[in-house]
Amino acid sequence: LLFSAISAFEVQPLSTEVQEGGVARFACKITANPPATVTWEVNRTTLPLVMDRITALPTGVLQIYGVEQKDAGNYRCVATTIANRRKSTEAVLSVIPASDLKPFHKPSIIAGPQNITASLHQTVILECVATGNPKPIISWSRLDHKSIDVFNTRVLGNGNLMISDVKVQHSGVYVCRATIPGTRNFTVAMATLTVLAPPSFVEWPESLTRPRAGTARFACQAEGNPAPKISWLKNGRRIHSNGRIKMYNSKLVINQIIPEDDAIYQCMAENSQGSILSRARLTVVMSEDRPSAPYNVHAETMSSSAILLAWERPLYNSDKVIAYSVHYMKAEGLNNEEYQVVIGNDTTHYIIDDLEPASNYTFYIVAYMPLGASQMSDHVTQHTLEDVPLRAPEISLTSRSPTDILISWLPIPAKYRRGQVVLYRLSFRLSTETKIQVLELPGSSDEYLLEGLRPDSVYLVRITAATRIGWGEASLWTSHRTPKATSVKAPKSPELRLEPMNCTTITVQWQQDSEDTAAIQGYKLYYKEEGQQENGPILLDASDLEYTVSGLGEYIKY
């Protein structure tokens, strides 16, 4: 049973004045179920769309290029469904006679593309209307420089991009460019197309046969948009992590297998667009005559990335042991992934050499026979040594006056820090001189103000960090010019607040310091992916206190 419903108009066409030869645009928007068909009338008669000057988009937009005197009149849109019909208010198009002189006008995009979220197989339209003299040419590209899919894409009218049967690979940032022919005068507008897709598996769990007290690992990965959430079921009932059964990312790990673990395991991937299941069987093989657990397990730190683990053979049935498995994971934090290494029965020691510096790890050993395994050995915890930092901090340079530079920096990410930073070393010099000045600061500091500098001069700055082991590599030299010595006071850098809107979009907000007396004329916004080249500047007005950066990479730090 389907009820036909139609709302009032959310957007109605507005009256406009256009110079002869220019571009007129009207828009209307209405919500209906089933969706309404939108047509246009001029002076209450159906508008003929046979002329290539006139384009009516399915989105409810009417575009008239090369406006003529005969186009003047009253325009309205008509929304029609199976059971309903609505007419918008009328909008007057007034045509101003063209002057004989046609001065050069830079291109201007008067209606650019809007961000769109679409489901698979829908049709989307990215609008682009531009004015200028001579008439600009409109072209489309993708911000990531991938080619636009020519099979599913066509241009409507004078430059609107229509993509039919959209797929995930159509997602991205689309750039409309309006260029005056034969010149380098152009302007651009861009929008993000997000294509939602139900989950699909890229890795499936495989059925396993394991001995009692052994370890089973099931892997499962799915893709989709939004990113699917993975959960696990046992014989159709949801599994929860406990001491023996753990879920990390998309893996399910069952330690110290018992007979009751023999079951069907299902991986479920779900997002707002749907859900899918994949299943695998765990078969538990029984043996009563198991060896006892390895004992006297002890660990010794070898370096910043290696720990030696040693143990003694089981006291009971050690002659039946065919292999040992070494299990280890980080001791701090929740739900850390457990790693496993299987080694032969001819040794009772092993060096794990892929560990992170300055970290605590927990270890245990299991002995295996052909049809069974021992209990876990006692757990031991040991720490790796510190090492020198792998990377220098990322620095930012700003000036509050013509004679100073404020150097600020972010903490080094833990995996590159490799211990506790105890010292920072700042080096700086004038770009025209070779003499370097050096300062050492405590590891708790995150900024330093250089004072007594020359106005309107380029300074080079770099930073190095040290743990108790020693100094890491220095950063590259970063340059900064101090302001000119004038009576005009430079504004302070605003404090930024960042808020991720989705997996590819971040909103940046800032406030003007009420105590800052400097006259602000505008802002320049820069952004960069960690460790990559800077993007920008994005030029903003003094009244702007917010900007949304879209088309970013998923799950990347900016």
Protein backbone atom coordinates (compact mmCIF):
# COMPACT_ATOMS: atom_id res chain seq x y z
CA LEU A 1 0.00 0.00 0.00
CA LEU A 2 1.59 3.28 -1.15
CA PHE A 3 0.30 6.69 -0.09
CA SER A 4 0.96 9.52 -2.51
CA ALA A 5 2.15 12.68 -0.71
CA ILE A 6 3.56 16.03 -1.79
CA SER A 7 4.93 18.87 0.38
CA ALA A 8 4.81 22.60 -0.10
CA PHE A 9 7.65 24.09 -2.19
CA GLU A 10 10.88 24.30 -0.16
CA VAL A 11 12.52 26.55 -2.80
CA GLN A 12 10.56 28.78 -5.21
CA PRO A 13 11.84 30.70 -8.25
CA LEU A 14 12.88 34.32 -7.57
CA SER A 15 12.48 37.33 -9.90
CA THR A 16 15.70 38.42 -11.63
CA GLU A 17 17.10 41.04 -14.02
CA VAL A 18 19.50 39.80 -16.70
CA GLN A 19 21.35 41.70 -19.42
CA GLU A 20 20.69 40.58 -22.96
CA GLY A 21 23.13 37.78 -23.83
CA GLY A 22 23.57 36.84 -20.16
CA VAL A 23 22.44 33.81 -18.14
CA ALA A 24 19.15 33.44 -16.23
CA ARG A 25 18.63 30.73 -13.61
CA PHE A 26 15.51 29.74 -11.69
CA ALA A 27 15.26 26.99 -9.07
CA CYS A 28 12.47 25.19 -7.27
CA LYS A 29 12.51 22.25 -4.84
CA ILE A 30 9.72 20.06 -3.53
CA THR A 31 9.55 16.75 -1.63
CA ALA A 32 7.09 14.13 -2.86
CA ASN A 33 6.47 10.39 -2.63
CA PRO A 34 6.71 9.09 -5.30
CA PRO A 35 9.13 11.80 -6.56
CA ALA A 36 7.49 14.62 -8.54
CA THR A 37 8.24 15.47 -12.17
CA VAL A 38 9.11 19.18 -12.48
CA THR A 39 8.23 21.12 -15.64
CA TRP A 40 8.34 24.87 -16.36
CA GLU A 41 5.83 27.40 -17.67
CA VAL A 42 6.37 30.89 -19.04
CA ASN A 43 3.35 33.21 -18.96
CA ARG A 44 1.32 30.15 -17.88
CA THR A 45 2.06 28.12 -21.03
CA THR A 46 4.46 25.16 -21.17
CA LEU A 47 8.02 26.29 -21.84
CA PRO A 48 9.42 24.65 -25.00
CA LEU A 49 12.80 23.02 -24.28
CA VAL A 50 13.77 22.35 -27.89
CA MET A 51 16.24 25.24 -27.94
CA ASP A 52 19.81 24.35 -26.91
CA ARG A 53 19.92 27.69 -25.02
CA ILE A 54 17.47 26.34 -22.41
CA THR A 55 18.17 23.46 -20.00
CA ALA A 56 15.73 22.09 -17.40
CA LEU A 57 17.55 19.84 -14.94
CA PRO A 58 15.69 16.98 -13.21
CA THR A 59 16.76 18.57 -9.90
CA GLY A 60 14.28 21.45 -10.49
CA VAL A 61 16.67 24.04 -12.00
CA LEU A 62 16.00 26.03 -15.17
CA GLN A 63 18.96 27.61 -17.01
CA ILE A 64 18.59 30.05 -19.93
CA TYR A 65 21.80 30.99 -21.76
CA GLY A 66 22.16 33.86 -24.24
CA VAL A 67 19.06 35.57 -22.86
CA GLU A 68 17.00 37.40 -25.52
CA GLN A 69 14.26 40.07 -25.20
CA LYS A 70 11.64 37.46 -26.09
CA ASP A 71 12.63 35.41 -22.97
CA ALA A 72 11.19 38.12 -20.68
CA GLY A 73 8.07 36.99 -18.83
CA ASN A 74 6.63 35.24 -15.78
CA TYR A 75 8.16 31.85 -14.96
CA ARG A 76 6.88 29.17 -12.62
CA CYS A 77 7.54 25.49 -12.06
CA VAL A 78 4.89 22.76 -11.93
CA ALA A 79 5.46 19.64 -9.79
CA THR A 80 3.37 16.62 -10.82
CA THR A 81 2.89 13.18 -9.24
CA ILE A 82 0.36 10.41 -10.02
CA ALA A 83 -2.20 12.00 -7.70
CA ASN A 84 -1.09 15.60 -7.12
CA ARG A 85 -0.05 18.72 -8.97
CA ARG A 86 1.43 21.90 -7.45
CA LYS A 87 2.42 25.22 -9.03
CA SER A 88 5.04 27.55 -7.59
CA THR A 89 4.74 31.31 -7.29
CA GLU A 90 5.65 33.21 -10.45
CA ALA A 91 9.03 34.89 -10.88
CA VAL A 92 9.60 37.76 -13.34
CA LEU A 93 12.51 37.64 -15.79
CA SER A 94 13.35 41.20 -16.88
CA VAL A 95 15.78 41.56 -19.79
CA ILE A 96 17.97 44.68 -19.88
CA PRO A 97 19.00 45.76 -23.42
CA ALA A 98 22.67 45.05 -24.17
CA SER A 99 25.01 47.99 -24.73
CA ASP A 100 27.05 48.19 -27.95
CA LEU A 101 30.27 48.02 -25.90
CA LYS A 102 30.89 44.55 -24.53
CA PRO A 103 33.71 44.99 -21.98
CA PHE A 104 35.84 42.04 -20.90
CA HIS A 105 34.45 40.29 -17.79
CA LYS A 106 36.37 37.73 -15.77
CA PRO A 107 34.59 34.36 -15.51
CA SER A 108 32.31 33.92 -12.49
CA ILE A 109 30.48 30.74 -11.40
CA ILE A 110 27.01 31.88 -10.31
CA ALA A 111 25.72 28.38 -9.44
CA GLY A 112 28.34 25.79 -8.55
CA PRO A 113 28.04 22.10 -7.71
CA GLN A 114 26.76 21.10 -4.26
CA ASN A 115 27.96 18.21 -2.07
CA ILE A 116 25.83 15.14 -2.79
CA THR A 117 25.35 11.82 -0.99
CA ALA A 118 23.83 9.13 -3.21
CA SER A 119 23.07 5.42 -3.01
CA LEU A 120 24.36 2.88 -5.53
CA HIS A 121 22.80 3.03 -9.04
CA GLN A 122 21.18 6.45 -8.53
CA THR A 123 21.67 9.32 -11.00
CA VAL A 124 23.31 12.52 -9.72
CA ILE A 125 23.65 15.95 -11.34
CA LEU A 126 26.42 18.43 -10.53
CA GLU A 127 25.35 21.89 -11.66
CA CYS A 128 27.73 24.52 -12.99
CA VAL A 129 26.56 27.88 -14.40
CA ALA A 130 29.12 30.54 -15.28
CA THR A 131 29.09 34.07 -16.72
CA GLY A 132 31.84 36.13 -18.33
CA ASN A 133 32.72 37.92 -21.53
CA PRO A 134 33.67 36.27 -23.83
CA LYS A 135 31.40 33.37 -22.80
CA PRO A 136 33.42 30.93 -20.63
CA ILE A 137 33.94 27.28 -21.50
CA ILE A 138 33.07 24.83 -18.70
CA SER A 139 35.16 21.71 -18.11
CA TRP A 140 35.13 19.04 -15.38
CA SER A 141 37.88 17.11 -13.61
CA ARG A 142 38.46 15.19 -10.39
CA LEU A 143 40.58 16.65 -7.61
CA ASP A 144 42.48 13.34 -7.29
CA HIS A 145 43.38 13.56 -11.03
CA LYS A 146 41.63 10.25 -11.79
CA SER A 147 39.84 10.25 -15.13
CA ILE A 148 36.07 10.84 -15.13
CA ASP A 149 34.06 7.72 -16.12
CA VAL A 150 33.02 8.51 -19.73
CA PHE A 151 30.61 5.57 -20.02
CA ASN A 152 28.27 6.71 -17.23
CA THR A 153 28.79 10.47 -17.54
CA ARG A 154 27.43 13.10 -19.90
CA VAL A 155 27.11 16.88 -19.97
CA LEU A 156 23.62 18.41 -19.77
CA GLY A 157 23.12 21.82 -21.36
CA ASN A 158 26.11 24.17 -21.15
CA GLY A 159 28.16 22.40 -18.51
CA ASN A 160 26.15 20.40 -15.95
CA LEU A 161 27.65 16.97 -15.21
CA MET A 162 25.23 14.02 -14.99
CA ILE A 163 26.52 10.69 -13.64
CA SER A 164 24.11 7.79 -14.04
CA ASP A 165 24.21 4.39 -12.30
CA VAL A 166 26.69 5.69 -9.68
CA LYS A 167 29.15 3.25 -8.13
CA VAL A 168 31.61 3.54 -5.24
CA GLN A 169 34.45 4.43 -7.64
CA HIS A 170 32.50 7.58 -8.64
CA SER A 171 33.00 8.98 -5.09
CA GLY A 172 35.37 11.94 -4.96
CA VAL A 173 35.72 15.69 -5.31
CA TYR A 174 34.59 17.06 -8.69
CA VAL A 175 35.97 20.36 -9.96
CA CYS A 176 34.06 22.63 -12.35
CA ARG A 177 36.36 25.04 -14.20
CA ALA A 178 35.07 28.05 -16.18
CA THR A 179 37.70 29.45 -18.58
CA ILE A 180 37.58 32.44 -20.96
CA PRO A 181 38.60 30.94 -24.35
CA GLY A 182 42.14 31.70 -25.48
CA THR A 183 43.16 33.15 -22.07
CA ARG A 184 44.40 31.96 -18.69
CA ASN A 185 41.45 33.59 -16.93
CA PHE A 186 39.54 30.87 -15.10
CA THR A 187 37.68 30.18 -11.88
CA VAL A 188 36.75 26.89 -10.20
CA ALA A 189 34.08 25.47 -7.89
CA MET A 190 34.09 22.01 -6.39
CA ALA A 191 31.84 19.55 -4.58
CA THR A 192 32.14 16.11 -3.02
CA LEU A 193 30.15 13.15 -4.30
CA THR A 194 29.76 10.47 -1.62
CA VAL A 195 28.37 7.13 -2.83
CA LEU A 196 26.87 4.92 -0.13
CA ALA A 197 27.28 1.18 -0.60
CA PRO A 198 26.24 -1.92 1.39
CA PRO A 199 29.03 -4.12 2.78
CA SER A 200 30.85 -6.65 0.60
CA PHE A 201 33.49 -9.11 1.79
CA VAL A 202 37.11 -8.83 0.70
CA GLU A 203 38.28 -11.58 3.11
CA TRP A 204 36.18 -14.50 4.38
CA PRO A 205 36.71 -16.69 7.48
CA GLU A 206 37.92 -20.21 6.62
CA SER A 207 36.92 -23.44 8.40
CA LEU A 208 39.56 -24.76 10.83
CA THR A 209 40.43 -27.99 12.65
CA ARG A 210 42.30 -27.41 15.92
CA PRO A 211 43.32 -29.57 18.91
CA ARG A 212 41.90 -28.99 22.37
CA ALA A 213 43.85 -26.21 24.19
CA GLY A 214 45.09 -24.92 20.81
CA THR A 215 44.39 -21.51 19.23
CA ALA A 216 41.96 -20.71 16.39
CA ARG A 217 42.11 -17.47 14.38
CA PHE A 218 39.36 -16.36 12.02
CA ALA A 219 39.88 -13.32 9.77
CA CYS A 220 37.14 -11.30 8.07
CA GLN A 221 37.25 -7.99 6.20
CA ALA A 222 34.52 -6.05 4.42
CA GLU A 223 34.28 -2.79 2.51
CA GLY A 224 31.39 -0.40 2.02
CA ASN A 225 30.34 3.20 2.72
CA PRO A 226 29.90 4.01 5.58
CA ALA A 227 32.72 1.66 6.67
CA PRO A 228 31.03 -1.56 7.84
CA LYS A 229 31.09 -2.64 11.48
CA ILE A 230 32.25 -6.25 11.96
CA SER A 231 30.75 -8.50 14.65
CA TRP A 232 30.97 -12.25 15.28
CA LEU A 233 28.32 -14.88 16.05
CA LYS A 234 28.60 -18.48 17.32
CA ASN A 235 25.78 -20.72 16.11
CA GLY A 236 23.78 -17.54 15.40
CA ARG A 237 24.37 -15.85 18.79
CA ARG A 238 26.56 -12.76 19.21
CA ILE A 239 30.00 -13.38 20.78
CA HIS A 240 31.46 -11.09 23.45
CA SER A 241 35.18 -10.79 24.25
CA ASN A 242 36.39 -12.49 27.43
CA GLY A 243 39.76 -13.69 28.72
CA ARG A 244 39.88 -16.65 26.30
CA ILE A 245 38.01 -15.27 23.31
CA LYS A 246 39.13 -11.93 21.85
CA MET A 247 38.12 -9.78 18.90
CA TYR A 248 40.65 -7.33 17.44
CA ASN A 249 39.67 -5.17 14.48
CA SER A 250 38.03 -7.78 12.27
CA LYS A 251 39.71 -10.91 13.69
CA LEU A 252 38.29 -13.50 16.09
CA VAL A 253 40.87 -15.36 18.21
CA ILE A 254 39.94 -18.30 20.46
CA ASN A 255 42.70 -19.36 22.89
CA GLN A 256 42.87 -22.56 24.96
CA ILE A 257 40.17 -24.23 22.88
CA ILE A 258 37.63 -26.39 24.77
CA PRO A 259 35.16 -28.96 23.33
CA GLU A 260 32.29 -26.44 23.54
CA ASP A 261 34.10 -24.22 21.00
CA ASP A 262 33.27 -26.76 18.25
CA ALA A 263 30.65 -24.69 16.36
CA ILE A 264 29.69 -22.61 13.31
CA TYR A 265 31.15 -19.08 13.50
CA GLN A 266 29.65 -16.25 11.48
CA CYS A 267 31.18 -12.90 10.55
CA MET A 268 28.55 -10.17 10.14
CA ALA A 269 29.37 -6.90 8.36
CA GLU A 270 26.75 -4.15 8.59
CA ASN A 271 26.28 -0.47 7.80
CA SER A 272 23.32 1.83 7.13
CA GLN A 273 22.94 0.33 3.64
CA GLY A 274 22.64 -3.33 4.64
CA SER A 275 24.33 -6.37 6.20
CA ILE A 276 25.96 -9.63 5.04
CA LEU A 277 27.07 -12.88 6.72
CA SER A 278 29.88 -15.32 6.06
CA ARG A 279 30.41 -18.52 8.04
CA ALA A 280 33.13 -21.04 8.91
CA ARG A 281 33.34 -24.19 11.02
CA LEU A 282 35.69 -24.85 13.95
CA THR A 283 36.24 -28.57 14.53
CA VAL A 284 37.89 -29.45 17.87
CA VAL A 285 40.07 -32.59 17.93
CA MET A 286 40.22 -34.34 21.32
CA SER A 287 43.21 -36.00 23.05
CA GLU A 288 43.30 -37.02 26.71
CA ASP A 289 47.05 -37.55 27.10
CA ARG A 290 48.16 -33.91 26.87
CA PRO A 291 51.56 -32.61 28.01
CA SER A 292 51.69 -30.33 31.06
CA ALA A 293 52.41 -26.62 30.49
CA PRO A 294 55.97 -25.35 29.87
CA TYR A 295 57.29 -23.87 33.13
CA ASN A 296 59.91 -21.52 34.56
CA VAL A 297 59.24 -19.01 31.76
CA HIS A 298 61.49 -15.95 31.99
CA ALA A 299 62.23 -13.00 29.73
CA GLU A 300 65.33 -10.84 29.22
CA THR A 301 65.52 -7.51 27.40
CA MET A 302 68.04 -7.55 24.53
CA SER A 303 67.47 -4.14 22.89
CA SER A 304 64.83 -1.54 22.08
CA SER A 305 63.02 -4.03 19.81
CA ALA A 306 64.07 -7.51 21.04
CA ILE A 307 63.31 -9.68 24.11
CA LEU A 308 64.74 -13.18 24.73
CA LEU A 309 62.19 -15.66 26.06
CA ALA A 310 63.30 -18.95 27.71
CA TRP A 311 61.41 -21.82 29.37
CA GLU A 312 61.72 -25.43 30.52
CA ARG A 313 60.08 -28.44 28.89
CA PRO A 314 56.81 -29.77 30.36
CA LEU A 315 57.33 -32.11 33.33
CA TYR A 316 54.69 -34.51 32.00
CA ASN A 317 54.64 -36.07 28.47
CA SER A 318 57.41 -33.78 27.19
CA ASP A 319 58.50 -36.57 24.80
CA LYS A 320 55.22 -36.12 22.88
CA VAL A 321 55.77 -32.38 22.23
CA ILE A 322 56.19 -31.65 18.51
CA ALA A 323 56.22 -27.80 18.69
CA TYR A 324 55.88 -24.76 20.93
CA SER A 325 53.86 -21.63 20.25
CA VAL A 326 55.04 -18.31 21.70
CA HIS A 327 52.21 -15.80 22.34
CA TYR A 328 52.82 -12.11 23.05
CA MET A 329 50.98 -8.81 23.16
CA LYS A 330 51.37 -5.29 24.54
CA ALA A 331 50.70 -5.19 28.28
CA GLU A 332 49.16 -1.70 28.36
CA GLY A 333 45.84 -0.76 26.80
CA LEU A 334 42.62 -2.63 26.07
CA ASN A 335 41.96 -5.30 23.44
CA ASN A 336 45.57 -5.39 22.19
CA GLU A 337 46.19 -7.80 19.34
CA GLU A 338 47.89 -11.07 20.33
CA TYR A 339 50.68 -12.39 18.09
CA GLN A 340 51.80 -16.01 17.81
CA VAL A 341 55.04 -17.66 16.62
CA VAL A 342 55.32 -21.46 16.19
CA ILE A 343 58.79 -23.03 16.68
CA GLY A 344 60.18 -26.56 16.72
CA ASN A 345 60.50 -28.85 19.76
CA ASP A 346 64.31 -28.80 19.66
CA THR A 347 64.67 -25.47 21.48
CA THR A 348 63.48 -23.85 24.70
CA HIS A 349 64.32 -20.23 23.95
CA TYR A 350 63.33 -17.70 21.30
CA ILE A 351 64.10 -14.03 20.50
CA ILE A 352 61.11 -11.86 19.53
CA ASP A 353 62.67 -8.98 17.56
CA ASP A 354 59.78 -6.97 16.08
CA LEU A 355 58.72 -5.12 19.25
CA GLU A 356 58.21 -1.40 19.78
CA PRO A 357 60.75 0.49 21.94
CA ALA A 358 59.94 1.58 25.51
CA SER A 359 56.94 -0.78 25.74
CA ASN A 360 55.83 -3.54 28.13
CA TYR A 361 54.91 -6.91 26.61
CA THR A 362 53.23 -10.00 28.11
CA PHE A 363 54.32 -13.52 27.00
CA TYR A 364 53.19 -17.12 27.49
CA ILE A 365 54.06 -20.50 25.92
CA VAL A 366 51.90 -23.48 24.81
CA ALA A 367 53.31 -26.98 24.03
CA TYR A 368 51.73 -28.93 21.13
CA MET A 369 51.41 -32.64 20.40
CA PRO A 370 49.81 -34.15 17.24
CA LEU A 371 46.25 -34.17 18.66
CA GLY A 372 46.32 -31.69 21.51
CA ALA A 373 48.06 -28.90 23.35
CA SER A 374 49.06 -28.08 26.90
CA GLN A 375 47.54 -25.42 29.12
CA MET A 376 49.07 -21.95 28.87
CA SER A 377 52.28 -21.42 30.80
CA ASP A 378 52.45 -18.71 33.45
CA HIS A 379 52.47 -15.21 31.95
CA VAL A 380 55.59 -13.03 32.19
CA THR A 381 55.87 -9.30 31.44
CA GLN A 382 59.03 -7.56 30.24
CA HIS A 383 59.83 -4.14 28.79
CA THR A 384 61.92 -3.12 25.78
CA LEU A 385 64.60 -0.43 26.04
CA GLU A 386 64.15 3.14 24.84
CA ASP A 387 65.72 4.27 21.57
CA VAL A 388 66.43 7.62 19.92
CA PRO A 389 63.37 9.25 18.28
CA LEU A 390 62.74 8.17 14.69
CA ARG A 391 61.30 11.54 13.73
CA ALA A 392 61.52 15.18 14.78
CA PRO A 393 58.39 17.08 15.88
CA GLU A 394 56.43 19.07 13.28
CA ILE A 395 56.94 22.79 13.93
CA SER A 396 54.87 25.92 13.24
CA LEU A 397 56.33 29.44 13.06
CA THR A 398 54.38 32.68 13.62
CA SER A 399 55.30 36.26 14.54
CA ARG A 400 53.50 38.44 17.10
CA SER A 401 55.71 41.46 16.36
CA PRO A 402 58.42 42.42 13.83
CA THR A 403 61.14 41.25 16.24
CA ASP A 404 59.94 37.82 17.36
CA ILE A 405 59.07 34.32 16.14
CA LEU A 406 56.89 31.95 18.18
CA ILE A 407 58.04 28.36 17.55
CA SER A 408 55.43 25.75 18.50
CA TRP A 409 55.44 22.00 17.93
CA LEU A 410 53.27 18.91 18.30
CA PRO A 411 54.30 15.87 20.40
CA ILE A 412 55.95 13.12 18.35
CA PRO A 413 53.52 10.20 17.80
CA ALA A 414 54.31 7.31 20.20
CA LYS A 415 55.53 4.91 17.50
CA TYR A 416 58.14 7.45 16.35
CA ARG A 417 58.95 8.79 19.83
CA ARG A 418 60.41 5.43 21.04
CA GLY A 419 60.60 6.50 24.68
CA GLN A 420 60.07 9.61 26.78
CA VAL A 421 61.34 12.85 25.23
CA VAL A 422 63.57 14.55 27.84
CA LEU A 423 65.04 17.39 25.73
CA TYR A 424 64.38 19.47 22.64
CA ARG A 425 67.11 21.31 20.75
CA LEU A 426 66.16 24.38 18.69
CA SER A 427 68.62 25.65 16.07
CA PHE A 428 68.07 28.93 14.23
CA ARG A 429 69.93 31.38 11.99
CA LEU A 430 69.40 34.23 9.58
CA SER A 431 69.11 32.92 6.02
CA THR A 432 71.93 35.31 4.99
CA GLU A 433 74.33 34.06 7.69
CA THR A 434 76.02 30.73 8.43
CA LYS A 435 76.28 31.13 12.22
CA ILE A 436 73.77 28.84 13.98
CA GLN A 437 72.41 29.56 17.46
CA VAL A 438 71.29 26.59 19.58
CA LEU A 439 68.87 26.36 22.55
CA GLU A 440 68.01 23.30 24.66
CA LEU A 441 64.56 23.06 26.25
CA PRO A 442 62.95 20.53 28.63
CA GLY A 443 60.94 17.66 27.11
CA SER A 444 57.72 19.04 28.67
CA SER A 445 57.82 22.24 26.55
CA ASP A 446 55.82 22.70 23.33
CA GLU A 447 56.67 26.30 22.31
CA TYR A 448 59.38 28.93 22.56
CA LEU A 449 59.40 32.66 21.71
CA LEU A 450 62.54 33.90 19.92
CA GLU A 451 62.91 37.63 20.66
CA GLY A 452 65.21 40.47 19.65
CA LEU A 453 65.18 39.46 15.96
CA ARG A 454 65.57 41.67 12.89
CA PRO A 455 62.34 42.91 11.25
CA ASP A 456 61.59 41.91 7.63
CA SER A 457 64.22 39.14 7.71
CA VAL A 458 64.10 35.46 6.80
CA TYR A 459 65.06 33.11 9.62
CA LEU A 460 65.63 29.36 9.35
CA VAL A 461 64.58 27.11 12.27
CA ARG A 462 64.84 23.38 12.96
CA ILE A 463 64.20 21.11 15.94
CA THR A 464 65.61 17.85 17.33
CA ALA A 465 64.21 15.64 20.12
CA ALA A 466 66.10 13.39 22.55
CA THR A 467 65.18 10.47 24.80
CA ARG A 468 67.47 9.28 27.58
CA ILE A 469 69.32 7.24 24.92
CA GLY A 470 70.28 10.21 22.74
CA TRP A 471 69.30 12.62 19.97
CA GLY A 472 67.20 11.72 16.95
CA GLU A 473 67.43 13.23 13.46
CA ALA A 474 66.84 16.99 13.14
CA SER A 475 63.87 18.30 11.19
CA LEU A 476 64.40 20.06 7.87
CA TRP A 477 65.05 23.80 8.05
CA THR A 478 61.75 25.75 8.10
CA SER A 479 61.84 29.38 6.94
CA HIS A 480 59.86 32.34 8.26
CA ARG A 481 60.03 36.07 7.48
CA THR A 482 59.49 38.45 10.37
CA PRO A 483 57.01 41.29 9.67
CA LYS A 484 58.15 44.75 8.56
CA ALA A 485 58.66 47.30 11.31
CA THR A 486 55.59 49.52 10.83
CA SER A 487 53.01 51.07 13.10
CA VAL A 488 50.52 48.43 11.93
CA LYS A 489 50.19 45.65 14.52
CA ALA A 490 50.09 42.08 13.21
CA PRO A 491 47.19 40.01 14.57
CA LYS A 492 47.79 36.96 16.74
CA SER A 493 47.29 33.54 15.17
CA PRO A 494 43.78 32.29 16.02
CA GLU A 495 43.27 29.14 18.09
CA LEU A 496 41.76 26.44 15.86
CA ARG A 497 39.03 23.96 16.79
CA LEU A 498 38.69 20.94 14.50
CA GLU A 499 35.64 18.72 14.20
CA PRO A 500 35.47 15.70 11.85
CA MET A 501 32.05 15.69 10.11
CA ASN A 502 32.53 12.31 8.39
CA CYS A 503 35.46 10.18 7.18
CA THR A 504 36.49 12.71 4.45
CA THR A 505 35.41 16.11 5.87
CA ILE A 506 36.71 18.32 8.71
CA THR A 507 35.13 21.59 9.90
CA VAL A 508 37.65 24.19 11.11
CA GLN A 509 36.44 26.90 13.51
CA TRP A 510 38.29 29.80 15.13
CA GLN A 511 37.62 32.89 17.24
CA GLN A 512 39.04 36.39 17.13
CA ASP A 513 40.95 37.27 20.31
CA SER A 514 38.88 39.99 22.01
CA GLU A 515 42.07 41.54 23.44
CA ASP A 516 43.78 41.67 20.03
CA THR A 517 43.60 45.26 18.73
CA ALA A 518 45.07 44.46 15.29
CA ALA A 519 42.77 45.13 12.31
CA ILE A 520 42.14 41.78 10.58
CA GLN A 521 41.58 41.99 6.80
CA GLY A 522 41.24 38.27 6.17
CA TYR A 523 42.51 34.78 6.94
CA LYS A 524 44.68 32.24 5.13
CA LEU A 525 43.92 28.60 5.96
CA TYR A 526 46.50 25.88 5.30
CA TYR A 527 46.22 22.14 5.90
CA LYS A 528 48.37 19.08 5.32
CA GLU A 529 48.39 15.34 5.78
CA GLU A 530 50.89 14.35 8.46
CA GLY A 531 54.33 14.18 6.83
CA GLN A 532 53.09 15.44 3.41
CA GLN A 533 53.19 18.71 1.45
CA GLU A 534 51.07 21.65 2.61
CA ASN A 535 47.78 22.54 0.85
CA GLY A 536 46.61 26.15 0.64
CA PRO A 537 46.29 28.95 1.23
CA ILE A 538 42.49 29.08 1.19
CA LEU A 539 41.70 32.82 1.29
CA LEU A 540 38.88 33.78 3.65
CA ASP A 541 37.16 37.05 4.64
CA ALA A 542 37.64 38.73 8.02
CA SER A 543 34.01 37.84 8.86
CA ASP A 544 34.62 34.10 8.30
CA LEU A 545 35.06 32.09 11.50
CA GLU A 546 34.43 28.62 10.03
CA TYR A 547 35.47 26.61 6.97
CA THR A 548 34.75 23.01 5.93
CA VAL A 549 37.57 21.10 4.22
CA SER A 550 36.17 18.19 2.19
CA GLY A 551 37.56 15.52 -0.11
CA LEU A 552 40.17 14.36 2.43
CA GLY A 553 41.57 10.84 2.65
CA GLU A 554 39.71 8.41 4.91
CA TYR A 555 41.14 7.69 8.39
CA ILE A 556 44.18 9.96 7.85
CA LYS A 557 45.57 12.45 10.36
CA TYR A 558 45.55 16.07 9.10
